[in-house]
Amino acid sequence: DLVTGAGDLGFSFQINLWLWFTVL
């Protein structure tokens, strides 16, 4: 999405960040 510019990048980034925090 970052490459194509599609989607809500801010929301998607935060979800990704907290998913990785869950694993860490």
PDBML (XML) file of the C-alpha atoms, coordinates in Angstrom:
<?xml version="1.0" encoding="UTF-8" ?>
<PDBx:datablock datablockName="MODEL"
   xmlns:PDBx="http://pdbml.pdb.org/schema/pdbx-v50.xsd"
   xmlns:xsi="http://www.w3.org/2001/XMLSchema-instance"
   xsi:schemaLocation="http://pdbml.pdb.org/schema/pdbx-v50.xsd pdbx-v50.xsd">
   <PDBx:atom_siteCategory>
      <PDBx:atom_site id="1">
         <PDBx:B_iso_or_equiv>0.00</PDBx:B_iso_or_equiv>
         <PDBx:Cartn_x>0.000</PDBx:Cartn_x>
         <PDBx:Cartn_y>0.000</PDBx:Cartn_y>
         <PDBx:Cartn_z>0.000</PDBx:Cartn_z>
         <PDBx:auth_asym_id>A</PDBx:auth_asym_id>
         <PDBx:auth_atom_id>CA</PDBx:auth_atom_id>
         <PDBx:auth_comp_id>ASP</PDBx:auth_comp_id>
         <PDBx:auth_seq_id>1</PDBx:auth_seq_id>
         <PDBx:group_PDB>ATOM</PDBx:group_PDB>
         <PDBx:label_alt_id xsi:nil="true" />
         <PDBx:label_asym_id>A</PDBx:label_asym_id>
         <PDBx:label_atom_id>CA</PDBx:label_atom_id>
         <PDBx:label_comp_id>ASP</PDBx:label_comp_id>
         <PDBx:label_entity_id>1</PDBx:label_entity_id>
         <PDBx:label_seq_id>1</PDBx:label_seq_id>
         <PDBx:occupancy>1.00</PDBx:occupancy>
         <PDBx:pdbx_PDB_model_num>1</PDBx:pdbx_PDB_model_num>
         <PDBx:type_symbol>C</PDBx:type_symbol>
      </PDBx:atom_site>
      <PDBx:atom_site id="2">
         <PDBx:B_iso_or_equiv>0.00</PDBx:B_iso_or_equiv>
         <PDBx:Cartn_x>2.918</PDBx:Cartn_x>
         <PDBx:Cartn_y>2.309</PDBx:Cartn_y>
         <PDBx:Cartn_z>0.714</PDBx:Cartn_z>
         <PDBx:auth_asym_id>A</PDBx:auth_asym_id>
         <PDBx:auth_atom_id>CA</PDBx:auth_atom_id>
         <PDBx:auth_comp_id>LEU</PDBx:auth_comp_id>
         <PDBx:auth_seq_id>2</PDBx:auth_seq_id>
         <PDBx:group_PDB>ATOM</PDBx:group_PDB>
         <PDBx:label_alt_id xsi:nil="true" />
         <PDBx:label_asym_id>A</PDBx:label_asym_id>
         <PDBx:label_atom_id>CA</PDBx:label_atom_id>
         <PDBx:label_comp_id>LEU</PDBx:label_comp_id>
         <PDBx:label_entity_id>1</PDBx:label_entity_id>
         <PDBx:label_seq_id>2</PDBx:label_seq_id>
         <PDBx:occupancy>1.00</PDBx:occupancy>
         <PDBx:pdbx_PDB_model_num>1</PDBx:pdbx_PDB_model_num>
         <PDBx:type_symbol>C</PDBx:type_symbol>
      </PDBx:atom_site>
      <PDBx:atom_site id="3">
         <PDBx:B_iso_or_equiv>0.00</PDBx:B_iso_or_equiv>
         <PDBx:Cartn_x>4.225</PDBx:Cartn_x>
         <PDBx:Cartn_y>1.754</PDBx:Cartn_y>
         <PDBx:Cartn_z>-2.834</PDBx:Cartn_z>
         <PDBx:auth_asym_id>A</PDBx:auth_asym_id>
         <PDBx:auth_atom_id>CA</PDBx:auth_atom_id>
         <PDBx:auth_comp_id>VAL</PDBx:auth_comp_id>
         <PDBx:auth_seq_id>3</PDBx:auth_seq_id>
         <PDBx:group_PDB>ATOM</PDBx:group_PDB>
         <PDBx:label_alt_id xsi:nil="true" />
         <PDBx:label_asym_id>A</PDBx:label_asym_id>
         <PDBx:label_atom_id>CA</PDBx:label_atom_id>
         <PDBx:label_comp_id>VAL</PDBx:label_comp_id>
         <PDBx:label_entity_id>1</PDBx:label_entity_id>
         <PDBx:label_seq_id>3</PDBx:label_seq_id>
         <PDBx:occupancy>1.00</PDBx:occupancy>
         <PDBx:pdbx_PDB_model_num>1</PDBx:pdbx_PDB_model_num>
         <PDBx:type_symbol>C</PDBx:type_symbol>
      </PDBx:atom_site>
      <PDBx:atom_site id="4">
         <PDBx:B_iso_or_equiv>0.00</PDBx:B_iso_or_equiv>
         <PDBx:Cartn_x>0.810</PDBx:Cartn_x>
         <PDBx:Cartn_y>2.065</PDBx:Cartn_y>
         <PDBx:Cartn_z>-4.496</PDBx:Cartn_z>
         <PDBx:auth_asym_id>A</PDBx:auth_asym_id>
         <PDBx:auth_atom_id>CA</PDBx:auth_atom_id>
         <PDBx:auth_comp_id>THR</PDBx:auth_comp_id>
         <PDBx:auth_seq_id>4</PDBx:auth_seq_id>
         <PDBx:group_PDB>ATOM</PDBx:group_PDB>
         <PDBx:label_alt_id xsi:nil="true" />
         <PDBx:label_asym_id>A</PDBx:label_asym_id>
         <PDBx:label_atom_id>CA</PDBx:label_atom_id>
         <PDBx:label_comp_id>THR</PDBx:label_comp_id>
         <PDBx:label_entity_id>1</PDBx:label_entity_id>
         <PDBx:label_seq_id>4</PDBx:label_seq_id>
         <PDBx:occupancy>1.00</PDBx:occupancy>
         <PDBx:pdbx_PDB_model_num>1</PDBx:pdbx_PDB_model_num>
         <PDBx:type_symbol>C</PDBx:type_symbol>
      </PDBx:atom_site>
      <PDBx:atom_site id="5">
         <PDBx:B_iso_or_equiv>0.00</PDBx:B_iso_or_equiv>
         <PDBx:Cartn_x>-0.496</PDBx:Cartn_x>
         <PDBx:Cartn_y>4.795</PDBx:Cartn_y>
         <PDBx:Cartn_z>-2.220</PDBx:Cartn_z>
         <PDBx:auth_asym_id>A</PDBx:auth_asym_id>
         <PDBx:auth_atom_id>CA</PDBx:auth_atom_id>
         <PDBx:auth_comp_id>GLY</PDBx:auth_comp_id>
         <PDBx:auth_seq_id>5</PDBx:auth_seq_id>
         <PDBx:group_PDB>ATOM</PDBx:group_PDB>
         <PDBx:label_alt_id xsi:nil="true" />
         <PDBx:label_asym_id>A</PDBx:label_asym_id>
         <PDBx:label_atom_id>CA</PDBx:label_atom_id>
         <PDBx:label_comp_id>GLY</PDBx:label_comp_id>
         <PDBx:label_entity_id>1</PDBx:label_entity_id>
         <PDBx:label_seq_id>5</PDBx:label_seq_id>
         <PDBx:occupancy>1.00</PDBx:occupancy>
         <PDBx:pdbx_PDB_model_num>1</PDBx:pdbx_PDB_model_num>
         <PDBx:type_symbol>C</PDBx:type_symbol>
      </PDBx:atom_site>
      <PDBx:atom_site id="6">
         <PDBx:B_iso_or_equiv>0.00</PDBx:B_iso_or_equiv>
         <PDBx:Cartn_x>-3.676</PDBx:Cartn_x>
         <PDBx:Cartn_y>2.822</PDBx:Cartn_y>
         <PDBx:Cartn_z>-1.519</PDBx:Cartn_z>
         <PDBx:auth_asym_id>A</PDBx:auth_asym_id>
         <PDBx:auth_atom_id>CA</PDBx:auth_atom_id>
         <PDBx:auth_comp_id>ALA</PDBx:auth_comp_id>
         <PDBx:auth_seq_id>6</PDBx:auth_seq_id>
         <PDBx:group_PDB>ATOM</PDBx:group_PDB>
         <PDBx:label_alt_id xsi:nil="true" />
         <PDBx:label_asym_id>A</PDBx:label_asym_id>
         <PDBx:label_atom_id>CA</PDBx:label_atom_id>
         <PDBx:label_comp_id>ALA</PDBx:label_comp_id>
         <PDBx:label_entity_id>1</PDBx:label_entity_id>
         <PDBx:label_seq_id>6</PDBx:label_seq_id>
         <PDBx:occupancy>1.00</PDBx:occupancy>
         <PDBx:pdbx_PDB_model_num>1</PDBx:pdbx_PDB_model_num>
         <PDBx:type_symbol>C</PDBx:type_symbol>
      </PDBx:atom_site>
      <PDBx:atom_site id="7">
         <PDBx:B_iso_or_equiv>0.00</PDBx:B_iso_or_equiv>
         <PDBx:Cartn_x>-5.471</PDBx:Cartn_x>
         <PDBx:Cartn_y>2.377</PDBx:Cartn_y>
         <PDBx:Cartn_z>1.803</PDBx:Cartn_z>
         <PDBx:auth_asym_id>A</PDBx:auth_asym_id>
         <PDBx:auth_atom_id>CA</PDBx:auth_atom_id>
         <PDBx:auth_comp_id>GLY</PDBx:auth_comp_id>
         <PDBx:auth_seq_id>7</PDBx:auth_seq_id>
         <PDBx:group_PDB>ATOM</PDBx:group_PDB>
         <PDBx:label_alt_id xsi:nil="true" />
         <PDBx:label_asym_id>A</PDBx:label_asym_id>
         <PDBx:label_atom_id>CA</PDBx:label_atom_id>
         <PDBx:label_comp_id>GLY</PDBx:label_comp_id>
         <PDBx:label_entity_id>1</PDBx:label_entity_id>
         <PDBx:label_seq_id>7</PDBx:label_seq_id>
         <PDBx:occupancy>1.00</PDBx:occupancy>
         <PDBx:pdbx_PDB_model_num>1</PDBx:pdbx_PDB_model_num>
         <PDBx:type_symbol>C</PDBx:type_symbol>
      </PDBx:atom_site>
      <PDBx:atom_site id="8">
         <PDBx:B_iso_or_equiv>0.00</PDBx:B_iso_or_equiv>
         <PDBx:Cartn_x>-5.266</PDBx:Cartn_x>
         <PDBx:Cartn_y>4.205</PDBx:Cartn_y>
         <PDBx:Cartn_z>5.139</PDBx:Cartn_z>
         <PDBx:auth_asym_id>A</PDBx:auth_asym_id>
         <PDBx:auth_atom_id>CA</PDBx:auth_atom_id>
         <PDBx:auth_comp_id>ASP</PDBx:auth_comp_id>
         <PDBx:auth_seq_id>8</PDBx:auth_seq_id>
         <PDBx:group_PDB>ATOM</PDBx:group_PDB>
         <PDBx:label_alt_id xsi:nil="true" />
         <PDBx:label_asym_id>A</PDBx:label_asym_id>
         <PDBx:label_atom_id>CA</PDBx:label_atom_id>
         <PDBx:label_comp_id>ASP</PDBx:label_comp_id>
         <PDBx:label_entity_id>1</PDBx:label_entity_id>
         <PDBx:label_seq_id>8</PDBx:label_seq_id>
         <PDBx:occupancy>1.00</PDBx:occupancy>
         <PDBx:pdbx_PDB_model_num>1</PDBx:pdbx_PDB_model_num>
         <PDBx:type_symbol>C</PDBx:type_symbol>
      </PDBx:atom_site>
      <PDBx:atom_site id="9">
         <PDBx:B_iso_or_equiv>0.00</PDBx:B_iso_or_equiv>
         <PDBx:Cartn_x>-1.503</PDBx:Cartn_x>
         <PDBx:Cartn_y>4.051</PDBx:Cartn_y>
         <PDBx:Cartn_z>5.680</PDBx:Cartn_z>
         <PDBx:auth_asym_id>A</PDBx:auth_asym_id>
         <PDBx:auth_atom_id>CA</PDBx:auth_atom_id>
         <PDBx:auth_comp_id>LEU</PDBx:auth_comp_id>
         <PDBx:auth_seq_id>9</PDBx:auth_seq_id>
         <PDBx:group_PDB>ATOM</PDBx:group_PDB>
         <PDBx:label_alt_id xsi:nil="true" />
         <PDBx:label_asym_id>A</PDBx:label_asym_id>
         <PDBx:label_atom_id>CA</PDBx:label_atom_id>
         <PDBx:label_comp_id>LEU</PDBx:label_comp_id>
         <PDBx:label_entity_id>1</PDBx:label_entity_id>
         <PDBx:label_seq_id>9</PDBx:label_seq_id>
         <PDBx:occupancy>1.00</PDBx:occupancy>
         <PDBx:pdbx_PDB_model_num>1</PDBx:pdbx_PDB_model_num>
         <PDBx:type_symbol>C</PDBx:type_symbol>
      </PDBx:atom_site>
      <PDBx:atom_site id="10">
         <PDBx:B_iso_or_equiv>0.00</PDBx:B_iso_or_equiv>
         <PDBx:Cartn_x>-1.561</PDBx:Cartn_x>
         <PDBx:Cartn_y>5.672</PDBx:Cartn_y>
         <PDBx:Cartn_z>9.134</PDBx:Cartn_z>
         <PDBx:auth_asym_id>A</PDBx:auth_asym_id>
         <PDBx:auth_atom_id>CA</PDBx:auth_atom_id>
         <PDBx:auth_comp_id>GLY</PDBx:auth_comp_id>
         <PDBx:auth_seq_id>10</PDBx:auth_seq_id>
         <PDBx:group_PDB>ATOM</PDBx:group_PDB>
         <PDBx:label_alt_id xsi:nil="true" />
         <PDBx:label_asym_id>A</PDBx:label_asym_id>
         <PDBx:label_atom_id>CA</PDBx:label_atom_id>
         <PDBx:label_comp_id>GLY</PDBx:label_comp_id>
         <PDBx:label_entity_id>1</PDBx:label_entity_id>
         <PDBx:label_seq_id>10</PDBx:label_seq_id>
         <PDBx:occupancy>1.00</PDBx:occupancy>
         <PDBx:pdbx_PDB_model_num>1</PDBx:pdbx_PDB_model_num>
         <PDBx:type_symbol>C</PDBx:type_symbol>
      </PDBx:atom_site>
      <PDBx:atom_site id="11">
         <PDBx:B_iso_or_equiv>0.00</PDBx:B_iso_or_equiv>
         <PDBx:Cartn_x>-4.091</PDBx:Cartn_x>
         <PDBx:Cartn_y>3.225</PDBx:Cartn_y>
         <PDBx:Cartn_z>10.541</PDBx:Cartn_z>
         <PDBx:auth_asym_id>A</PDBx:auth_asym_id>
         <PDBx:auth_atom_id>CA</PDBx:auth_atom_id>
         <PDBx:auth_comp_id>PHE</PDBx:auth_comp_id>
         <PDBx:auth_seq_id>11</PDBx:auth_seq_id>
         <PDBx:group_PDB>ATOM</PDBx:group_PDB>
         <PDBx:label_alt_id xsi:nil="true" />
         <PDBx:label_asym_id>A</PDBx:label_asym_id>
         <PDBx:label_atom_id>CA</PDBx:label_atom_id>
         <PDBx:label_comp_id>PHE</PDBx:label_comp_id>
         <PDBx:label_entity_id>1</PDBx:label_entity_id>
         <PDBx:label_seq_id>11</PDBx:label_seq_id>
         <PDBx:occupancy>1.00</PDBx:occupancy>
         <PDBx:pdbx_PDB_model_num>1</PDBx:pdbx_PDB_model_num>
         <PDBx:type_symbol>C</PDBx:type_symbol>
      </PDBx:atom_site>
      <PDBx:atom_site id="12">
         <PDBx:B_iso_or_equiv>0.00</PDBx:B_iso_or_equiv>
         <PDBx:Cartn_x>-2.410</PDBx:Cartn_x>
         <PDBx:Cartn_y>0.253</PDBx:Cartn_y>
         <PDBx:Cartn_z>8.843</PDBx:Cartn_z>
         <PDBx:auth_asym_id>A</PDBx:auth_asym_id>
         <PDBx:auth_atom_id>CA</PDBx:auth_atom_id>
         <PDBx:auth_comp_id>SER</PDBx:auth_comp_id>
         <PDBx:auth_seq_id>12</PDBx:auth_seq_id>
         <PDBx:group_PDB>ATOM</PDBx:group_PDB>
         <PDBx:label_alt_id xsi:nil="true" />
         <PDBx:label_asym_id>A</PDBx:label_asym_id>
         <PDBx:label_atom_id>CA</PDBx:label_atom_id>
         <PDBx:label_comp_id>SER</PDBx:label_comp_id>
         <PDBx:label_entity_id>1</PDBx:label_entity_id>
         <PDBx:label_seq_id>12</PDBx:label_seq_id>
         <PDBx:occupancy>1.00</PDBx:occupancy>
         <PDBx:pdbx_PDB_model_num>1</PDBx:pdbx_PDB_model_num>
         <PDBx:type_symbol>C</PDBx:type_symbol>
      </PDBx:atom_site>
      <PDBx:atom_site id="13">
         <PDBx:B_iso_or_equiv>0.00</PDBx:B_iso_or_equiv>
         <PDBx:Cartn_x>1.019</PDBx:Cartn_x>
         <PDBx:Cartn_y>1.296</PDBx:Cartn_y>
         <PDBx:Cartn_z>10.179</PDBx:Cartn_z>
         <PDBx:auth_asym_id>A</PDBx:auth_asym_id>
         <PDBx:auth_atom_id>CA</PDBx:auth_atom_id>
         <PDBx:auth_comp_id>PHE</PDBx:auth_comp_id>
         <PDBx:auth_seq_id>13</PDBx:auth_seq_id>
         <PDBx:group_PDB>ATOM</PDBx:group_PDB>
         <PDBx:label_alt_id xsi:nil="true" />
         <PDBx:label_asym_id>A</PDBx:label_asym_id>
         <PDBx:label_atom_id>CA</PDBx:label_atom_id>
         <PDBx:label_comp_id>PHE</PDBx:label_comp_id>
         <PDBx:label_entity_id>1</PDBx:label_entity_id>
         <PDBx:label_seq_id>13</PDBx:label_seq_id>
         <PDBx:occupancy>1.00</PDBx:occupancy>
         <PDBx:pdbx_PDB_model_num>1</PDBx:pdbx_PDB_model_num>
         <PDBx:type_symbol>C</PDBx:type_symbol>
      </PDBx:atom_site>
      <PDBx:atom_site id="14">
         <PDBx:B_iso_or_equiv>0.00</PDBx:B_iso_or_equiv>
         <PDBx:Cartn_x>-0.242</PDBx:Cartn_x>
         <PDBx:Cartn_y>1.515</PDBx:Cartn_y>
         <PDBx:Cartn_z>13.771</PDBx:Cartn_z>
         <PDBx:auth_asym_id>A</PDBx:auth_asym_id>
         <PDBx:auth_atom_id>CA</PDBx:auth_atom_id>
         <PDBx:auth_comp_id>GLN</PDBx:auth_comp_id>
         <PDBx:auth_seq_id>14</PDBx:auth_seq_id>
         <PDBx:group_PDB>ATOM</PDBx:group_PDB>
         <PDBx:label_alt_id xsi:nil="true" />
         <PDBx:label_asym_id>A</PDBx:label_asym_id>
         <PDBx:label_atom_id>CA</PDBx:label_atom_id>
         <PDBx:label_comp_id>GLN</PDBx:label_comp_id>
         <PDBx:label_entity_id>1</PDBx:label_entity_id>
         <PDBx:label_seq_id>14</PDBx:label_seq_id>
         <PDBx:occupancy>1.00</PDBx:occupancy>
         <PDBx:pdbx_PDB_model_num>1</PDBx:pdbx_PDB_model_num>
         <PDBx:type_symbol>C</PDBx:type_symbol>
      </PDBx:atom_site>
      <PDBx:atom_site id="15">
         <PDBx:B_iso_or_equiv>0.00</PDBx:B_iso_or_equiv>
         <PDBx:Cartn_x>-1.936</PDBx:Cartn_x>
         <PDBx:Cartn_y>-1.896</PDBx:Cartn_y>
         <PDBx:Cartn_z>13.598</PDBx:Cartn_z>
         <PDBx:auth_asym_id>A</PDBx:auth_asym_id>
         <PDBx:auth_atom_id>CA</PDBx:auth_atom_id>
         <PDBx:auth_comp_id>ILE</PDBx:auth_comp_id>
         <PDBx:auth_seq_id>15</PDBx:auth_seq_id>
         <PDBx:group_PDB>ATOM</PDBx:group_PDB>
         <PDBx:label_alt_id xsi:nil="true" />
         <PDBx:label_asym_id>A</PDBx:label_asym_id>
         <PDBx:label_atom_id>CA</PDBx:label_atom_id>
         <PDBx:label_comp_id>ILE</PDBx:label_comp_id>
         <PDBx:label_entity_id>1</PDBx:label_entity_id>
         <PDBx:label_seq_id>15</PDBx:label_seq_id>
         <PDBx:occupancy>1.00</PDBx:occupancy>
         <PDBx:pdbx_PDB_model_num>1</PDBx:pdbx_PDB_model_num>
         <PDBx:type_symbol>C</PDBx:type_symbol>
      </PDBx:atom_site>
      <PDBx:atom_site id="16">
         <PDBx:B_iso_or_equiv>0.00</PDBx:B_iso_or_equiv>
         <PDBx:Cartn_x>1.273</PDBx:Cartn_x>
         <PDBx:Cartn_y>-3.407</PDBx:Cartn_y>
         <PDBx:Cartn_z>12.201</PDBx:Cartn_z>
         <PDBx:auth_asym_id>A</PDBx:auth_asym_id>
         <PDBx:auth_atom_id>CA</PDBx:auth_atom_id>
         <PDBx:auth_comp_id>ASN</PDBx:auth_comp_id>
         <PDBx:auth_seq_id>16</PDBx:auth_seq_id>
         <PDBx:group_PDB>ATOM</PDBx:group_PDB>
         <PDBx:label_alt_id xsi:nil="true" />
         <PDBx:label_asym_id>A</PDBx:label_asym_id>
         <PDBx:label_atom_id>CA</PDBx:label_atom_id>
         <PDBx:label_comp_id>ASN</PDBx:label_comp_id>
         <PDBx:label_entity_id>1</PDBx:label_entity_id>
         <PDBx:label_seq_id>16</PDBx:label_seq_id>
         <PDBx:occupancy>1.00</PDBx:occupancy>
         <PDBx:pdbx_PDB_model_num>1</PDBx:pdbx_PDB_model_num>
         <PDBx:type_symbol>C</PDBx:type_symbol>
      </PDBx:atom_site>
      <PDBx:atom_site id="17">
         <PDBx:B_iso_or_equiv>0.00</PDBx:B_iso_or_equiv>
         <PDBx:Cartn_x>3.352</PDBx:Cartn_x>
         <PDBx:Cartn_y>-1.759</PDBx:Cartn_y>
         <PDBx:Cartn_z>14.895</PDBx:Cartn_z>
         <PDBx:auth_asym_id>A</PDBx:auth_asym_id>
         <PDBx:auth_atom_id>CA</PDBx:auth_atom_id>
         <PDBx:auth_comp_id>LEU</PDBx:auth_comp_id>
         <PDBx:auth_seq_id>17</PDBx:auth_seq_id>
         <PDBx:group_PDB>ATOM</PDBx:group_PDB>
         <PDBx:label_alt_id xsi:nil="true" />
         <PDBx:label_asym_id>A</PDBx:label_asym_id>
         <PDBx:label_atom_id>CA</PDBx:label_atom_id>
         <PDBx:label_comp_id>LEU</PDBx:label_comp_id>
         <PDBx:label_entity_id>1</PDBx:label_entity_id>
         <PDBx:label_seq_id>17</PDBx:label_seq_id>
         <PDBx:occupancy>1.00</PDBx:occupancy>
         <PDBx:pdbx_PDB_model_num>1</PDBx:pdbx_PDB_model_num>
         <PDBx:type_symbol>C</PDBx:type_symbol>
      </PDBx:atom_site>
      <PDBx:atom_site id="18">
         <PDBx:B_iso_or_equiv>0.00</PDBx:B_iso_or_equiv>
         <PDBx:Cartn_x>1.226</PDBx:Cartn_x>
         <PDBx:Cartn_y>-3.112</PDBx:Cartn_y>
         <PDBx:Cartn_z>17.735</PDBx:Cartn_z>
         <PDBx:auth_asym_id>A</PDBx:auth_asym_id>
         <PDBx:auth_atom_id>CA</PDBx:auth_atom_id>
         <PDBx:auth_comp_id>TRP</PDBx:auth_comp_id>
         <PDBx:auth_seq_id>18</PDBx:auth_seq_id>
         <PDBx:group_PDB>ATOM</PDBx:group_PDB>
         <PDBx:label_alt_id xsi:nil="true" />
         <PDBx:label_asym_id>A</PDBx:label_asym_id>
         <PDBx:label_atom_id>CA</PDBx:label_atom_id>
         <PDBx:label_comp_id>TRP</PDBx:label_comp_id>
         <PDBx:label_entity_id>1</PDBx:label_entity_id>
         <PDBx:label_seq_id>18</PDBx:label_seq_id>
         <PDBx:occupancy>1.00</PDBx:occupancy>
         <PDBx:pdbx_PDB_model_num>1</PDBx:pdbx_PDB_model_num>
         <PDBx:type_symbol>C</PDBx:type_symbol>
      </PDBx:atom_site>
      <PDBx:atom_site id="19">
         <PDBx:B_iso_or_equiv>0.00</PDBx:B_iso_or_equiv>
         <PDBx:Cartn_x>1.046</PDBx:Cartn_x>
         <PDBx:Cartn_y>-6.579</PDBx:Cartn_y>
         <PDBx:Cartn_z>16.214</PDBx:Cartn_z>
         <PDBx:auth_asym_id>A</PDBx:auth_asym_id>
         <PDBx:auth_atom_id>CA</PDBx:auth_atom_id>
         <PDBx:auth_comp_id>LEU</PDBx:auth_comp_id>
         <PDBx:auth_seq_id>19</PDBx:auth_seq_id>
         <PDBx:group_PDB>ATOM</PDBx:group_PDB>
         <PDBx:label_alt_id xsi:nil="true" />
         <PDBx:label_asym_id>A</PDBx:label_asym_id>
         <PDBx:label_atom_id>CA</PDBx:label_atom_id>
         <PDBx:label_comp_id>LEU</PDBx:label_comp_id>
         <PDBx:label_entity_id>1</PDBx:label_entity_id>
         <PDBx:label_seq_id>19</PDBx:label_seq_id>
         <PDBx:occupancy>1.00</PDBx:occupancy>
         <PDBx:pdbx_PDB_model_num>1</PDBx:pdbx_PDB_model_num>
         <PDBx:type_symbol>C</PDBx:type_symbol>
      </PDBx:atom_site>
      <PDBx:atom_site id="20">
         <PDBx:B_iso_or_equiv>0.00</PDBx:B_iso_or_equiv>
         <PDBx:Cartn_x>4.836</PDBx:Cartn_x>
         <PDBx:Cartn_y>-6.757</PDBx:Cartn_y>
         <PDBx:Cartn_z>16.251</PDBx:Cartn_z>
         <PDBx:auth_asym_id>A</PDBx:auth_asym_id>
         <PDBx:auth_atom_id>CA</PDBx:auth_atom_id>
         <PDBx:auth_comp_id>TRP</PDBx:auth_comp_id>
         <PDBx:auth_seq_id>20</PDBx:auth_seq_id>
         <PDBx:group_PDB>ATOM</PDBx:group_PDB>
         <PDBx:label_alt_id xsi:nil="true" />
         <PDBx:label_asym_id>A</PDBx:label_asym_id>
         <PDBx:label_atom_id>CA</PDBx:label_atom_id>
         <PDBx:label_comp_id>TRP</PDBx:label_comp_id>
         <PDBx:label_entity_id>1</PDBx:label_entity_id>
         <PDBx:label_seq_id>20</PDBx:label_seq_id>
         <PDBx:occupancy>1.00</PDBx:occupancy>
         <PDBx:pdbx_PDB_model_num>1</PDBx:pdbx_PDB_model_num>
         <PDBx:type_symbol>C</PDBx:type_symbol>
      </PDBx:atom_site>
      <PDBx:atom_site id="21">
         <PDBx:B_iso_or_equiv>0.00</PDBx:B_iso_or_equiv>
         <PDBx:Cartn_x>4.854</PDBx:Cartn_x>
         <PDBx:Cartn_y>-5.354</PDBx:Cartn_y>
         <PDBx:Cartn_z>19.793</PDBx:Cartn_z>
         <PDBx:auth_asym_id>A</PDBx:auth_asym_id>
         <PDBx:auth_atom_id>CA</PDBx:auth_atom_id>
         <PDBx:auth_comp_id>PHE</PDBx:auth_comp_id>
         <PDBx:auth_seq_id>21</PDBx:auth_seq_id>
         <PDBx:group_PDB>ATOM</PDBx:group_PDB>
         <PDBx:label_alt_id xsi:nil="true" />
         <PDBx:label_asym_id>A</PDBx:label_asym_id>
         <PDBx:label_atom_id>CA</PDBx:label_atom_id>
         <PDBx:label_comp_id>PHE</PDBx:label_comp_id>
         <PDBx:label_entity_id>1</PDBx:label_entity_id>
         <PDBx:label_seq_id>21</PDBx:label_seq_id>
         <PDBx:occupancy>1.00</PDBx:occupancy>
         <PDBx:pdbx_PDB_model_num>1</PDBx:pdbx_PDB_model_num>
         <PDBx:type_symbol>C</PDBx:type_symbol>
      </PDBx:atom_site>
      <PDBx:atom_site id="22">
         <PDBx:B_iso_or_equiv>0.00</PDBx:B_iso_or_equiv>
         <PDBx:Cartn_x>2.536</PDBx:Cartn_x>
         <PDBx:Cartn_y>-8.215</PDBx:Cartn_y>
         <PDBx:Cartn_z>20.801</PDBx:Cartn_z>
         <PDBx:auth_asym_id>A</PDBx:auth_asym_id>
         <PDBx:auth_atom_id>CA</PDBx:auth_atom_id>
         <PDBx:auth_comp_id>THR</PDBx:auth_comp_id>
         <PDBx:auth_seq_id>22</PDBx:auth_seq_id>
         <PDBx:group_PDB>ATOM</PDBx:group_PDB>
         <PDBx:label_alt_id xsi:nil="true" />
         <PDBx:label_asym_id>A</PDBx:label_asym_id>
         <PDBx:label_atom_id>CA</PDBx:label_atom_id>
         <PDBx:label_comp_id>THR</PDBx:label_comp_id>
         <PDBx:label_entity_id>1</PDBx:label_entity_id>
         <PDBx:label_seq_id>22</PDBx:label_seq_id>
         <PDBx:occupancy>1.00</PDBx:occupancy>
         <PDBx:pdbx_PDB_model_num>1</PDBx:pdbx_PDB_model_num>
         <PDBx:type_symbol>C</PDBx:type_symbol>
      </PDBx:atom_site>
      <PDBx:atom_site id="23">
         <PDBx:B_iso_or_equiv>0.00</PDBx:B_iso_or_equiv>
         <PDBx:Cartn_x>5.064</PDBx:Cartn_x>
         <PDBx:Cartn_y>-10.756</PDBx:Cartn_y>
         <PDBx:Cartn_z>19.522</PDBx:Cartn_z>
         <PDBx:auth_asym_id>A</PDBx:auth_asym_id>
         <PDBx:auth_atom_id>CA</PDBx:auth_atom_id>
         <PDBx:auth_comp_id>VAL</PDBx:auth_comp_id>
         <PDBx:auth_seq_id>23</PDBx:auth_seq_id>
         <PDBx:group_PDB>ATOM</PDBx:group_PDB>
         <PDBx:label_alt_id xsi:nil="true" />
         <PDBx:label_asym_id>A</PDBx:label_asym_id>
         <PDBx:label_atom_id>CA</PDBx:label_atom_id>
         <PDBx:label_comp_id>VAL</PDBx:label_comp_id>
         <PDBx:label_entity_id>1</PDBx:label_entity_id>
         <PDBx:label_seq_id>23</PDBx:label_seq_id>
         <PDBx:occupancy>1.00</PDBx:occupancy>
         <PDBx:pdbx_PDB_model_num>1</PDBx:pdbx_PDB_model_num>
         <PDBx:type_symbol>C</PDBx:type_symbol>
      </PDBx:atom_site>
      <PDBx:atom_site id="24">
         <PDBx:B_iso_or_equiv>0.00</PDBx:B_iso_or_equiv>
         <PDBx:Cartn_x>8.030</PDBx:Cartn_x>
         <PDBx:Cartn_y>-8.887</PDBx:Cartn_y>
         <PDBx:Cartn_z>21.048</PDBx:Cartn_z>
         <PDBx:auth_asym_id>A</PDBx:auth_asym_id>
         <PDBx:auth_atom_id>CA</PDBx:auth_atom_id>
         <PDBx:auth_comp_id>LEU</PDBx:auth_comp_id>
         <PDBx:auth_seq_id>24</PDBx:auth_seq_id>
         <PDBx:group_PDB>ATOM</PDBx:group_PDB>
         <PDBx:label_alt_id xsi:nil="true" />
         <PDBx:label_asym_id>A</PDBx:label_asym_id>
         <PDBx:label_atom_id>CA</PDBx:label_atom_id>
         <PDBx:label_comp_id>LEU</PDBx:label_comp_id>
         <PDBx:label_entity_id>1</PDBx:label_entity_id>
         <PDBx:label_seq_id>24</PDBx:label_seq_id>
         <PDBx:occupancy>1.00</PDBx:occupancy>
         <PDBx:pdbx_PDB_model_num>1</PDBx:pdbx_PDB_model_num>
         <PDBx:type_symbol>C</PDBx:type_symbol>
      </PDBx:atom_site>
   </PDBx:atom_siteCategory>
</PDBx:datablock>
